[in-house]
Amino acid sequence: MKTLLYRPIQGCILPIFVLIAILSCESNTATSPKTPQFNHVYLHVSDMDRSLDFYTSAFDLEVTKHIKKLKRTLEDGQTVEQEINLALLKFPGHYFALEIGETLDSLPNNTRASYAHVGIEVEDIESASERIIKAGGLSSRPITQVETESIQAKTAFFTGPDGETIELMQIISGNF
């Protein structure tokens, strides 16, 4: 049996889950995005099924769309249709998407510098690292602590199924 947590609010006592529901309704950017803002990051992948399995297993991302056809209308009004294999993945309740597109001539390799990567903030870098390894990712740089003038964090780098670089970041202090 779960114990509900209560918190006093302006003389009232509400279950904490009611407070969370109220606050999330008022600040849900998934339903009312402000622009300009970042919308998505795109990655080429060589095997859509393998990549979907990896990203949903390693990060609890949800596939919000899986697109198989694209219809383009050109300036002269002519329409061109093409078969594609794109997927949009999001963290539950988030607006920002990871878009992955299967490109048959894409070769899995991590030849890019670590500054070209997808960065994901986590609360527990050790357990998140274990989860990536369990999902099939490879460690390319172990957990280290980094500092700038205003941020202190733990980071670790991994290679995903198509050679893409993934950075985990656990903020210790400061804002990114």
Protein backbone atom coordinates (compact mmCIF):
# COMPACT_ATOMS: atom_id res chain seq x y z
CA MET A 1 0.00 0.00 0.00
CA LYS A 2 1.34 3.41 -0.99
CA THR A 3 1.36 6.30 1.45
CA LEU A 4 0.15 9.60 0.00
CA LEU A 5 2.19 12.66 0.79
CA TYR A 6 0.35 15.81 1.81
CA ARG A 7 1.52 19.37 1.59
CA PRO A 8 -0.19 22.48 3.00
CA ILE A 9 -1.15 25.05 0.36
CA GLN A 10 -2.47 28.43 1.48
CA GLY A 11 -4.28 26.99 4.49
CA CYS A 12 -5.43 23.84 2.65
CA ILE A 13 -4.04 20.35 2.62
CA LEU A 14 -3.95 18.68 -0.81
CA PRO A 15 -2.54 15.35 -1.85
CA ILE A 16 0.80 16.01 -3.56
CA PHE A 17 -0.34 14.22 -6.73
CA VAL A 18 -3.20 16.75 -7.10
CA LEU A 19 -0.70 19.61 -6.78
CA ILE A 20 1.55 18.02 -9.40
CA ALA A 21 -1.40 17.57 -11.77
CA ILE A 22 -2.45 21.20 -11.33
CA LEU A 23 1.08 22.53 -11.87
CA SER A 24 1.74 20.32 -14.89
CA CYS A 25 -1.48 21.49 -16.55
CA GLU A 26 -0.46 25.12 -16.12
CA SER A 27 3.07 24.69 -17.43
CA ASN A 28 2.80 21.94 -20.03
CA THR A 29 4.89 23.11 -22.97
CA ALA A 30 3.83 20.04 -24.96
CA THR A 31 0.40 21.64 -25.49
CA SER A 32 1.40 25.29 -25.83
CA PRO A 33 4.95 25.72 -27.13
CA LYS A 34 6.45 29.17 -27.36
CA THR A 35 8.45 30.03 -30.43
CA PRO A 36 11.18 30.30 -31.37
CA GLN A 37 12.43 27.22 -29.55
CA PHE A 38 14.33 24.06 -30.34
CA ASN A 39 12.03 21.41 -31.84
CA HIS A 40 14.14 18.31 -32.56
CA VAL A 41 17.53 16.75 -33.19
CA TYR A 42 17.91 14.43 -36.20
CA LEU A 43 20.11 11.33 -36.36
CA HIS A 44 20.76 9.04 -39.35
CA VAL A 45 20.43 5.37 -38.42
CA SER A 46 21.12 2.24 -40.46
CA ASP A 47 18.53 -0.01 -38.78
CA MET A 48 15.30 1.60 -37.55
CA ASP A 49 14.10 -1.35 -35.47
CA ARG A 50 17.45 -1.70 -33.69
CA SER A 51 17.60 2.05 -32.96
CA LEU A 52 14.00 2.21 -31.73
CA ASP A 53 14.68 -0.72 -29.42
CA PHE A 54 17.86 0.95 -28.11
CA TYR A 55 16.41 4.43 -27.45
CA THR A 56 13.15 3.21 -25.92
CA SER A 57 15.03 0.71 -23.70
CA ALA A 58 17.88 2.98 -22.65
CA PHE A 59 15.89 6.18 -22.02
CA ASP A 60 12.13 5.41 -21.78
CA LEU A 61 11.57 7.52 -24.89
CA GLU A 62 8.16 7.04 -26.48
CA VAL A 63 7.66 6.76 -30.24
CA THR A 64 5.15 9.53 -30.94
CA LYS A 65 5.14 9.12 -34.73
CA HIS A 66 6.51 6.58 -37.20
CA ILE A 67 6.37 8.10 -40.69
CA LYS A 68 6.54 5.88 -43.79
CA LYS A 69 5.53 8.25 -46.62
CA LEU A 70 6.25 11.87 -47.39
CA LYS A 71 4.30 13.96 -49.89
CA ARG A 72 6.04 17.11 -51.13
CA THR A 73 4.30 19.85 -53.09
CA LEU A 74 6.75 21.74 -55.29
CA GLU A 75 6.55 25.42 -56.23
CA ASP A 76 4.89 24.56 -59.56
CA GLY A 77 2.14 22.61 -57.72
CA GLN A 78 3.44 19.20 -58.73
CA THR A 79 3.37 16.62 -55.92
CA VAL A 80 6.03 14.04 -55.34
CA GLU A 81 5.61 11.13 -52.95
CA GLN A 82 8.45 9.13 -51.48
CA GLU A 83 8.76 6.26 -49.05
CA ILE A 84 10.76 7.14 -45.93
CA ASN A 85 11.37 5.61 -42.54
CA LEU A 86 11.38 8.32 -39.85
CA ALA A 87 10.43 8.13 -36.18
CA LEU A 88 9.89 10.86 -33.61
CA LEU A 89 10.71 9.96 -30.02
CA LYS A 90 9.96 12.04 -26.93
CA PHE A 91 10.27 11.83 -23.20
CA PRO A 92 6.76 11.59 -21.70
CA GLY A 93 5.24 15.07 -21.39
CA HIS A 94 8.04 16.80 -23.34
CA TYR A 95 7.78 18.79 -26.57
CA PHE A 96 11.35 18.38 -27.86
CA ALA A 97 11.85 15.31 -30.09
CA LEU A 98 14.63 13.04 -31.19
CA GLU A 99 14.01 12.32 -34.88
CA ILE A 100 15.69 9.26 -36.31
CA GLY A 101 15.69 8.42 -40.00
CA GLU A 102 16.75 5.16 -41.53
CA THR A 103 19.32 5.68 -44.27
CA LEU A 104 20.38 2.43 -45.87
CA ASP A 105 23.84 3.75 -46.79
CA SER A 106 24.52 4.94 -43.23
CA LEU A 107 27.46 3.10 -41.71
CA PRO A 108 27.60 2.60 -37.95
CA ASN A 109 30.81 4.21 -36.73
CA ASN A 110 31.78 6.82 -34.20
CA THR A 111 34.38 8.85 -36.08
CA ARG A 112 33.11 12.26 -34.98
CA ALA A 113 34.64 14.27 -32.15
CA SER A 114 32.82 14.06 -28.83
CA TYR A 115 31.58 17.62 -29.32
CA ALA A 116 29.05 16.30 -31.89
CA HIS A 117 26.65 14.41 -29.65
CA VAL A 118 23.19 14.11 -28.15
CA GLY A 119 23.23 15.24 -24.50
CA ILE A 120 20.72 13.82 -22.03
CA GLU A 121 20.42 15.10 -18.46
CA VAL A 122 19.80 12.43 -15.83
CA GLU A 123 19.35 12.37 -12.05
CA ASP A 124 21.51 9.27 -11.42
CA ILE A 125 24.35 8.90 -13.91
CA GLU A 126 25.51 5.55 -12.55
CA SER A 127 22.15 3.79 -13.05
CA ALA A 128 21.59 5.56 -16.39
CA SER A 129 25.02 4.36 -17.55
CA GLU A 130 24.19 0.78 -16.58
CA ARG A 131 20.92 1.04 -18.48
CA ILE A 132 22.66 2.23 -21.68
CA ILE A 133 25.14 -0.66 -21.50
CA LYS A 134 22.29 -3.13 -20.88
CA ALA A 135 20.46 -1.72 -23.94
CA GLY A 136 23.54 -2.34 -26.12
CA GLY A 137 25.44 0.96 -25.94
CA LEU A 138 29.20 1.06 -25.54
CA SER A 139 31.08 3.20 -23.03
CA SER A 140 33.48 5.56 -24.82
CA ARG A 141 34.40 7.80 -21.85
CA PRO A 142 33.76 6.79 -18.23
CA ILE A 143 32.02 8.99 -15.66
CA THR A 144 34.09 12.06 -14.84
CA GLN A 145 33.38 15.27 -12.99
CA VAL A 146 33.62 18.48 -15.02
CA GLU A 147 33.52 22.11 -13.98
CA THR A 148 33.14 25.45 -15.72
CA GLU A 149 32.80 28.89 -14.14
CA SER A 150 29.11 28.25 -13.43
CA ILE A 151 28.40 24.52 -13.77
CA GLN A 152 29.59 21.45 -11.93
CA ALA A 153 28.47 18.10 -13.36
CA LYS A 154 29.25 14.44 -13.84
CA THR A 155 29.42 13.33 -17.48
CA ALA A 156 29.90 10.07 -19.35
CA PHE A 157 29.97 9.33 -23.08
CA PHE A 158 28.59 6.31 -24.94
CA THR A 159 28.32 5.06 -28.49
CA GLY A 160 24.82 4.16 -29.70
CA PRO A 161 23.88 1.45 -32.21
CA ASP A 162 24.87 3.53 -35.26
CA GLY A 163 28.03 5.02 -33.82
CA GLU A 164 26.30 8.16 -32.57
CA THR A 165 27.78 9.78 -29.48
CA ILE A 166 25.51 10.12 -26.45
CA GLU A 167 26.51 12.16 -23.39
CA LEU A 168 24.89 11.64 -20.02
CA MET A 169 25.07 14.66 -17.73
CA GLN A 170 24.17 14.80 -14.04
CA ILE A 171 24.16 18.42 -12.85
CA ILE A 172 25.74 18.82 -9.40
CA SER A 173 25.41 22.61 -9.21
CA GLY A 174 24.62 25.51 -11.50
CA ASN A 175 22.39 25.74 -14.54
CA PHE A 176 23.05 24.55 -18.06
